[in-house]
C-alpha atoms as a PDB file:
ATOM      1  CA  MET A   1      11.095 -10.735  -3.212  1.00  0.00           C
ATOM      2  CA  SER A   2       9.486  -7.760  -4.586  1.00  0.00           C
ATOM      3  CA  TYR A   3       7.293  -6.626  -7.298  1.00  0.00           C
ATOM      4  CA  THR A   4       4.460  -3.967  -8.334  1.00  0.00           C
ATOM      5  CA  VAL A   5       1.080  -4.085  -8.802  1.00  0.00           C
ATOM      6  CA  ARG A   6      -0.978  -1.552 -10.929  1.00  0.00           C
ATOM      7  CA  SER A   7      -4.405  -0.098 -11.116  1.00  0.00           C
ATOM      8  CA  GLY A   8      -5.796   2.772 -12.148  1.00  0.00           C
ATOM      9  CA  ASP A   9      -4.093   4.527  -9.607  1.00  0.00           C
ATOM     10  CA  PRO A  10       0.252   5.111  -9.834  1.00  0.00           C
ATOM     11  CA  ALA A  11       2.195   2.272  -9.857  1.00  0.00           C
ATOM     12  CA  LEU A  12       2.572   0.306  -6.263  1.00  0.00           C
ATOM     13  CA  SER A  13       6.278  -1.423  -6.077  1.00  0.00           C
ATOM     14  CA  ILE A  14       5.610  -4.046  -3.134  1.00  0.00           C
ATOM     15  CA  SER A  15       8.160  -5.566  -1.077  1.00  0.00           C
ATOM     16  CA  GLY A  16       8.592  -7.431   1.906  1.00  0.00           C
ATOM     17  CA  SER A  17       9.613 -10.622   4.322  1.00  0.00           C
ATOM     18  CA  GLY A  18       8.483 -13.268   6.962  1.00  0.00           C
ATOM     19  CA  THR A  19       4.717 -14.937   7.695  1.00  0.00           C
ATOM     20  CA  GLY A  20       4.031 -13.021  10.618  1.00  0.00           C
ATOM     21  CA  TRP A  21       1.187 -11.723   9.189  1.00  0.00           C
ATOM     22  CA  ARG A  22      -1.127 -14.705  10.404  1.00  0.00           C
ATOM     23  CA  THR A  23       0.010 -13.859  13.850  1.00  0.00           C
ATOM     24  CA  TYR A  24      -1.863 -12.015  16.463  1.00  0.00           C
ATOM     25  CA  ALA A  25      -1.132 -13.621  19.455  1.00  0.00           C
ATOM     26  CA  GLN A  26       0.482 -10.081  21.348  1.00  0.00           C
ATOM     27  CA  ASN A  27      -1.304  -6.745  21.387  1.00  0.00           C
ATOM     28  CA  ASP A  28       0.853  -4.389  20.087  1.00  0.00           C
ATOM     29  CA  LEU A  29      -0.565  -1.428  20.918  1.00  0.00           C
ATOM     30  CA  SER A  30       1.375   0.780  23.762  1.00  0.00           C
ATOM     31  CA  PRO A  31      -1.134   0.677  27.235  1.00  0.00           C
ATOM     32  CA  ILE A  32      -2.150   3.973  26.558  1.00  0.00           C
ATOM     33  CA  LEU A  33      -3.067   3.813  23.457  1.00  0.00           C
ATOM     34  CA  THR A  34      -4.804   0.205  24.328  1.00  0.00           C
ATOM     35  CA  CYS A  35      -6.499   2.229  26.986  1.00  0.00           C
ATOM     36  CA  ALA A  36      -7.690   5.067  24.766  1.00  0.00           C
ATOM     37  CA  LEU A  37      -9.125   2.449  22.339  1.00  0.00           C
ATOM     38  CA  GLN A  38     -11.264   1.226  25.065  1.00  0.00           C
ATOM     39  CA  CYS A  39     -12.733   4.393  25.955  1.00  0.00           C
ATOM     40  CA  PHE A  40     -12.877   5.499  22.298  1.00  0.00           C
ATOM     41  CA  MET A  41     -14.836   1.850  22.075  1.00  0.00           C
ATOM     42  CA  GLU A  42     -17.054   2.056  25.219  1.00  0.00           C
ATOM     43  CA  HIS A  43     -18.126   6.101  24.909  1.00  0.00           C
ATOM     44  CA  GLY A  44     -17.041   6.980  21.313  1.00  0.00           C
ATOM     45  CA  TYR A  45     -14.084   9.190  20.383  1.00  0.00           C
ATOM     46  CA  HIS A  46     -16.705  12.492  21.597  1.00  0.00           C
ATOM     47  CA  GLY A  47     -17.621  10.842  24.307  1.00  0.00           C
ATOM     48  CA  THR A  48     -14.127  10.198  25.983  1.00  0.00           C
ATOM     49  CA  THR A  49     -12.423  13.007  27.985  1.00  0.00           C
ATOM     50  CA  ILE A  50      -8.638  13.133  28.293  1.00  0.00           C
ATOM     51  CA  ARG A  51      -9.460  12.336  32.091  1.00  0.00           C
ATOM     52  CA  ARG A  52     -11.590   9.507  31.331  1.00  0.00           C
ATOM     53  CA  VAL A  53      -8.370   7.698  29.410  1.00  0.00           C
ATOM     54  CA  ALA A  54      -5.769   9.073  32.130  1.00  0.00           C
ATOM     55  CA  ALA A  55      -7.864   7.438  34.598  1.00  0.00           C
ATOM     56  CA  ARG A  56      -8.342   3.780  32.629  1.00  0.00           C
ATOM     57  CA  CYS A  57      -4.007   4.226  32.388  1.00  0.00           C
ATOM     58  CA  GLY A  58      -3.607   4.679  35.940  1.00  0.00           C
ATOM     59  CA  LEU A  59      -2.587   8.186  35.594  1.00  0.00           C
ATOM     60  CA  SER A  60      -2.743  11.992  36.355  1.00  0.00           C
ATOM     61  CA  VAL A  61      -4.356  14.244  33.327  1.00  0.00           C
ATOM     62  CA  PRO A  62      -0.540  15.907  33.157  1.00  0.00           C
ATOM     63  CA  GLY A  63       0.970  12.575  32.760  1.00  0.00           C
ATOM     64  CA  LEU A  64      -1.342  11.415  30.115  1.00  0.00           C
ATOM     65  CA  TYR A  65      -0.229  14.762  28.117  1.00  0.00           C
ATOM     66  CA  HIS A  66       3.685  14.339  28.681  1.00  0.00           C
ATOM     67  CA  HIS A  67       2.557  11.171  26.178  1.00  0.00           C
ATOM     68  CA  TYR A  68       0.092  12.597  23.823  1.00  0.00           C
ATOM     69  CA  PRO A  69      -0.587  16.646  24.085  1.00  0.00           C
ATOM     70  CA  SER A  70      -4.374  16.298  23.092  1.00  0.00           C
ATOM     71  CA  LYS A  71      -7.050  13.577  23.031  1.00  0.00           C
ATOM     72  CA  HIS A  72      -6.736  14.097  18.888  1.00  0.00           C
ATOM     73  CA  SER A  73      -3.510  12.718  19.011  1.00  0.00           C
ATOM     74  CA  LEU A  74      -4.451   9.407  20.478  1.00  0.00           C
ATOM     75  CA  LEU A  75      -6.900   9.036  17.683  1.00  0.00           C
ATOM     76  CA  VAL A  76      -3.994   9.612  15.241  1.00  0.00           C
ATOM     77  CA  ALA A  77      -1.576   7.203  16.600  1.00  0.00           C
ATOM     78  CA  ILE A  78      -4.576   4.240  16.915  1.00  0.00           C
ATOM     79  CA  THR A  79      -5.873   5.010  13.321  1.00  0.00           C
ATOM     80  CA  SER A  80      -2.447   5.378  12.436  1.00  0.00           C
ATOM     81  CA  HIS A  81      -1.277   2.054  13.714  1.00  0.00           C
ATOM     82  CA  ALA A  82      -4.168   0.321  12.620  1.00  0.00           C
ATOM     83  CA  MET A  83      -3.541   1.407   8.905  1.00  0.00           C
ATOM     84  CA  ALA A  84       0.530   0.571   9.175  1.00  0.00           C
ATOM     85  CA  ASP A  85      -0.221  -2.588  10.645  1.00  0.00           C
ATOM     86  CA  LEU A  86      -2.943  -3.860   8.215  1.00  0.00           C
ATOM     87  CA  TRP A  87      -0.135  -2.869   5.275  1.00  0.00           C
ATOM     88  CA  THR A  88       2.881  -4.548   6.692  1.00  0.00           C
ATOM     89  CA  ARG A  89       0.540  -7.635   6.800  1.00  0.00           C
ATOM     90  CA  SER A  90      -0.329  -7.219   3.286  1.00  0.00           C
ATOM     91  CA  GLU A  91       2.910  -6.931   1.748  1.00  0.00           C
ATOM     92  CA  GLN A  92       3.435 -10.269   4.114  1.00  0.00           C
ATOM     93  CA  ALA A  93       1.482 -11.846   2.899  1.00  0.00           C
ATOM     94  CA  LEU A  94       1.572 -10.736  -0.975  1.00  0.00           C
ATOM     95  CA  THR A  95       5.026 -11.847  -0.667  1.00  0.00           C
ATOM     96  CA  GLU A  96       4.188 -15.190   0.195  1.00  0.00           C
ATOM     97  CA  ALA A  97       1.709 -15.421  -2.292  1.00  0.00           C
ATOM     98  CA  GLY A  98       4.453 -15.014  -4.953  1.00  0.00           C
ATOM     99  CA  PRO A  99       3.287 -14.177  -8.128  1.00  0.00           C
ATOM    100  CA  SER A 100       0.401 -16.362  -8.554  1.00  0.00           C
ATOM    101  CA  LEU A 101      -2.358 -13.865  -8.756  1.00  0.00           C
ATOM    102  CA  SER A 102      -5.019 -16.172  -7.293  1.00  0.00           C
ATOM    103  CA  ASP A 103      -3.064 -16.626  -4.540  1.00  0.00           C
ATOM    104  CA  GLN A 104      -2.659 -13.221  -3.909  1.00  0.00           C
ATOM    105  CA  PHE A 105      -6.344 -12.721  -4.266  1.00  0.00           C
ATOM    106  CA  ASP A 106      -6.483 -15.260  -1.399  1.00  0.00           C
ATOM    107  CA  PHE A 107      -4.093 -14.096   0.306  1.00  0.00           C
ATOM    108  CA  LEU A 108      -5.153 -10.654   0.702  1.00  0.00           C
ATOM    109  CA  VAL A 109      -8.436 -11.719   1.141  1.00  0.00           C
ATOM    110  CA  GLU A 110      -7.320 -13.558   4.305  1.00  0.00           C
ATOM    111  CA  CYS A 111      -4.843 -11.144   5.900  1.00  0.00           C
ATOM    112  CA  VAL A 112      -7.356  -8.296   5.725  1.00  0.00           C
ATOM    113  CA  VAL A 113     -10.227 -10.746   6.939  1.00  0.00           C
ATOM    114  CA  LEU A 114      -8.169 -11.742  10.111  1.00  0.00           C
ATOM    115  CA  PHE A 115      -7.330  -8.193  10.734  1.00  0.00           C
ATOM    116  CA  HIS A 116     -10.697  -7.029  10.849  1.00  0.00           C
ATOM    117  CA  SER A 117     -11.786 -10.266  13.386  1.00  0.00           C
ATOM    118  CA  ARG A 118      -8.561 -10.354  15.740  1.00  0.00           C
ATOM    119  CA  ARG A 119      -8.076  -6.211  15.809  1.00  0.00           C
ATOM    120  CA  THR A 120     -12.183  -5.472  15.462  1.00  0.00           C
ATOM    121  CA  GLY A 121     -12.312  -2.459  18.129  1.00  0.00           C
ATOM    122  CA  LEU A 122      -8.936  -1.001  16.071  1.00  0.00           C
ATOM    123  CA  ALA A 123     -10.443  -1.594  12.827  1.00  0.00           C
ATOM    124  CA  PHE A 124     -13.814  -0.603  13.775  1.00  0.00           C
ATOM    125  CA  ILE A 125     -12.372   2.687  15.695  1.00  0.00           C
ATOM    126  CA  ALA A 126     -10.266   3.499  12.368  1.00  0.00           C
ATOM    127  CA  PHE A 127     -13.238   3.341  10.237  1.00  0.00           C
ATOM    128  CA  SER A 128     -15.638   4.873  12.223  1.00  0.00           C
ATOM    129  CA  GLU A 129     -13.678   8.037  13.599  1.00  0.00           C
ATOM    130  CA  ILE A 130     -12.388   9.013  10.257  1.00  0.00           C
ATOM    131  CA  ARG A 131     -14.600  12.077  11.221  1.00  0.00           C
ATOM    132  CA  SER A 132     -12.584  13.209  14.241  1.00  0.00           C
ATOM    133  CA  LEU A 133      -9.946  13.586  12.524  1.00  0.00           C
ATOM    134  CA  ASP A 134      -8.581  17.054  11.783  1.00  0.00           C
ATOM    135  CA  THR A 135      -8.265  18.091   8.083  1.00  0.00           C
ATOM    136  CA  SER A 136      -4.117  16.984   7.706  1.00  0.00           C
ATOM    137  CA  ALA A 137      -4.901  14.027   9.211  1.00  0.00           C
ATOM    138  CA  ARG A 138      -7.736  12.873   7.574  1.00  0.00           C
ATOM    139  CA  ALA A 139      -6.040  13.400   4.665  1.00  0.00           C
ATOM    140  CA  GLN A 140      -3.411  11.149   5.611  1.00  0.00           C
ATOM    141  CA  HIS A 141      -5.571   8.218   6.560  1.00  0.00           C
ATOM    142  CA  ILE A 142      -7.394   8.327   3.609  1.00  0.00           C
ATOM    143  CA  ALA A 143      -4.614   7.877   1.475  1.00  0.00           C
ATOM    144  CA  ALA A 144      -3.225   4.958   3.634  1.00  0.00           C
ATOM    145  CA  ARG A 145      -6.532   3.714   2.929  1.00  0.00           C
ATOM    146  CA  ASP A 146      -6.701   4.200  -0.354  1.00  0.00           C
ATOM    147  CA  ARG A 147      -3.343   2.943  -0.985  1.00  0.00           C
ATOM    148  CA  GLN A 148      -4.110  -0.290   0.817  1.00  0.00           C
ATOM    149  CA  GLN A 149      -7.262  -0.418  -1.271  1.00  0.00           C
ATOM    150  CA  ALA A 150      -5.383  -0.400  -4.507  1.00  0.00           C
ATOM    151  CA  LEU A 151      -3.753  -3.571  -3.701  1.00  0.00           C
ATOM    152  CA  MET A 152      -6.799  -5.693  -4.283  1.00  0.00           C
ATOM    153  CA  TYR A 153      -7.674  -3.330  -6.994  1.00  0.00           C
ATOM    154  CA  ALA A 154      -4.821  -4.421  -8.830  1.00  0.00           C
ATOM    155  CA  VAL A 155      -4.740  -8.074  -8.086  1.00  0.00           C
ATOM    156  CA  VAL A 156      -7.890  -8.571  -9.660  1.00  0.00           C
ATOM    157  CA  GLU A 157      -7.803  -6.355 -12.426  1.00  0.00           C
ATOM    158  CA  GLN A 158      -4.686  -7.907 -13.571  1.00  0.00           C
ATOM    159  CA  GLY A 159      -6.238 -11.051 -12.888  1.00  0.00           C
ATOM    160  CA  ALA A 160      -9.306 -10.024 -15.119  1.00  0.00           C
ATOM    161  CA  LYS A 161      -7.146  -8.667 -17.943  1.00  0.00           C
ATOM    162  CA  SER A 162      -5.135 -12.325 -17.997  1.00  0.00           C
ATOM    163  CA  GLY A 163      -8.224 -14.375 -17.818  1.00  0.00           C
ATOM    164  CA  VAL A 164      -7.663 -15.750 -14.652  1.00  0.00           C
ATOM    165  CA  PHE A 165     -10.561 -14.094 -13.092  1.00  0.00           C
ATOM    166  CA  ALA A 166     -13.861 -13.848 -14.909  1.00  0.00           C
ATOM    167  CA  THR A 167     -15.813 -10.884 -13.932  1.00  0.00           C
ATOM    168  CA  PRO A 168     -16.049  -8.247 -16.346  1.00  0.00           C
ATOM    169  CA  PHE A 169     -16.075  -5.283 -13.823  1.00  0.00           C
ATOM    170  CA  PRO A 170     -12.867  -5.827 -11.942  1.00  0.00           C
ATOM    171  CA  ARG A 171     -13.178  -1.830 -10.310  1.00  0.00           C
ATOM    172  CA  GLU A 172     -16.394  -2.665  -8.943  1.00  0.00           C
ATOM    173  CA  ALA A 173     -15.658  -6.417  -8.241  1.00  0.00           C
ATOM    174  CA  SER A 174     -12.904  -5.343  -6.056  1.00  0.00           C
ATOM    175  CA  LEU A 175     -14.536  -2.671  -4.269  1.00  0.00           C
ATOM    176  CA  ALA A 176     -17.409  -5.493  -3.162  1.00  0.00           C
ATOM    177  CA  VAL A 177     -14.442  -7.564  -2.200  1.00  0.00           C
ATOM    178  CA  ILE A 178     -13.318  -4.748  -0.102  1.00  0.00           C
ATOM    179  CA  THR A 179     -15.864  -3.501   1.358  1.00  0.00           C
ATOM    180  CA  MET A 180     -17.089  -7.376   2.714  1.00  0.00           C
ATOM    181  CA  CYS A 181     -13.521  -8.204   4.158  1.00  0.00           C
ATOM    182  CA  THR A 182     -13.380  -4.471   5.780  1.00  0.00           C
ATOM    183  CA  GLY A 183     -17.227  -5.427   6.993  1.00  0.00           C
ATOM    184  CA  VAL A 184     -16.185  -8.095   9.592  1.00  0.00           C
ATOM    185  CA  ALA A 185     -14.983  -5.524  12.072  1.00  0.00           C
ATOM    186  CA  GLN A 186     -18.674  -4.436  12.179  1.00  0.00           C
ATOM    187  CA  TRP A 187     -20.396  -7.682  13.185  1.00  0.00           C
ATOM    188  CA  PHE A 188     -17.680 -10.080  13.995  1.00  0.00           C
ATOM    189  CA  ARG A 189     -17.690 -11.331  17.674  1.00  0.00           C
ATOM    190  CA  PRO A 190     -14.745 -13.483  19.453  1.00  0.00           C
ATOM    191  CA  ASP A 191     -17.741 -15.628  21.290  1.00  0.00           C
ATOM    192  CA  GLY A 192     -19.783 -16.215  17.770  1.00  0.00           C
ATOM    193  CA  ALA A 193     -20.486 -19.167  15.929  1.00  0.00           C
ATOM    194  CA  LEU A 194     -17.003 -19.038  13.751  1.00  0.00           C
ATOM    195  CA  THR A 195     -13.335 -18.513  14.443  1.00  0.00           C
ATOM    196  CA  PRO A 196     -11.600 -15.857  12.655  1.00  0.00           C
ATOM    197  CA  GLU A 197     -10.102 -18.614  10.105  1.00  0.00           C
ATOM    198  CA  GLN A 198     -13.245 -20.411   9.799  1.00  0.00           C
ATOM    199  CA  LEU A 199     -14.400 -16.661   8.928  1.00  0.00           C
ATOM    200  CA  VAL A 200     -11.674 -16.541   6.480  1.00  0.00           C
ATOM    201  CA  GLU A 201     -13.159 -19.856   4.708  1.00  0.00           C
ATOM    202  CA  ARG A 202     -16.278 -18.730   3.761  1.00  0.00           C
ATOM    203  CA  ILE A 203     -15.599 -15.192   2.628  1.00  0.00           C
ATOM    204  CA  ARG A 204     -12.838 -16.165   1.121  1.00  0.00           C
ATOM    205  CA  GLU A 205     -15.531 -18.946  -0.935  1.00  0.00           C
ATOM    206  CA  ILE A 206     -17.822 -15.616  -1.365  1.00  0.00           C
ATOM    207  CA  THR A 207     -15.552 -13.549  -2.852  1.00  0.00           C
ATOM    208  CA  ARG A 208     -14.048 -15.915  -4.988  1.00  0.00           C
ATOM    209  CA  MET A 209     -17.614 -16.013  -6.782  1.00  0.00           C
ATOM    210  CA  ALA A 210     -17.448 -12.255  -6.732  1.00  0.00           C
ATOM    211  CA  VAL A 211     -14.171 -11.824  -9.158  1.00  0.00           C
ATOM    212  CA  GLY A 212     -15.147 -15.205 -11.292  1.00  0.00           C
ATOM    213  CA  LYS A 213     -12.841 -17.328  -9.712  1.00  0.00           C
END
């Protein structure tokens, strides 16, 4: 299945298949990147040395450099993985939703909230360490982020035009929804009062009100 979503930006063609977007049974980061992510979460990017990452991995510094030439390359790999994984899951969610704008909205909200609650560390570093990326990597990351956000913009904008959503401010409503969903990574705790699935239901109800659904 394929279809096109539109926003104020150029049209984006979305295609995909499968329902694995809700599944987070396994950590799909490589062992080295998992160790680097843990170090970045514990000490911050600038507070982490390549020696610390190597020790966490059980490697020598030259051994780590064999796989990644710099600490920056580790950060780029982590942030790139985060955006690619979220994009793939979003494609699958939209495919499962079909042509219904209402379902597309609900599934996108579910997808983004699940990602940011199931992959909190990955999502948090991908957001908080944009400042640590060099100019080229930062530009690529921001482009990937904008492409991701355009999915929600497009669904809400089309829904507002067609009467599915009542909001008179689709652009601002989209931004509010995106901020709410991605912000989960900053405060969600696995041992908290809500499971990710329960959190989805609550945020879905709140975001529906935001767009007038």
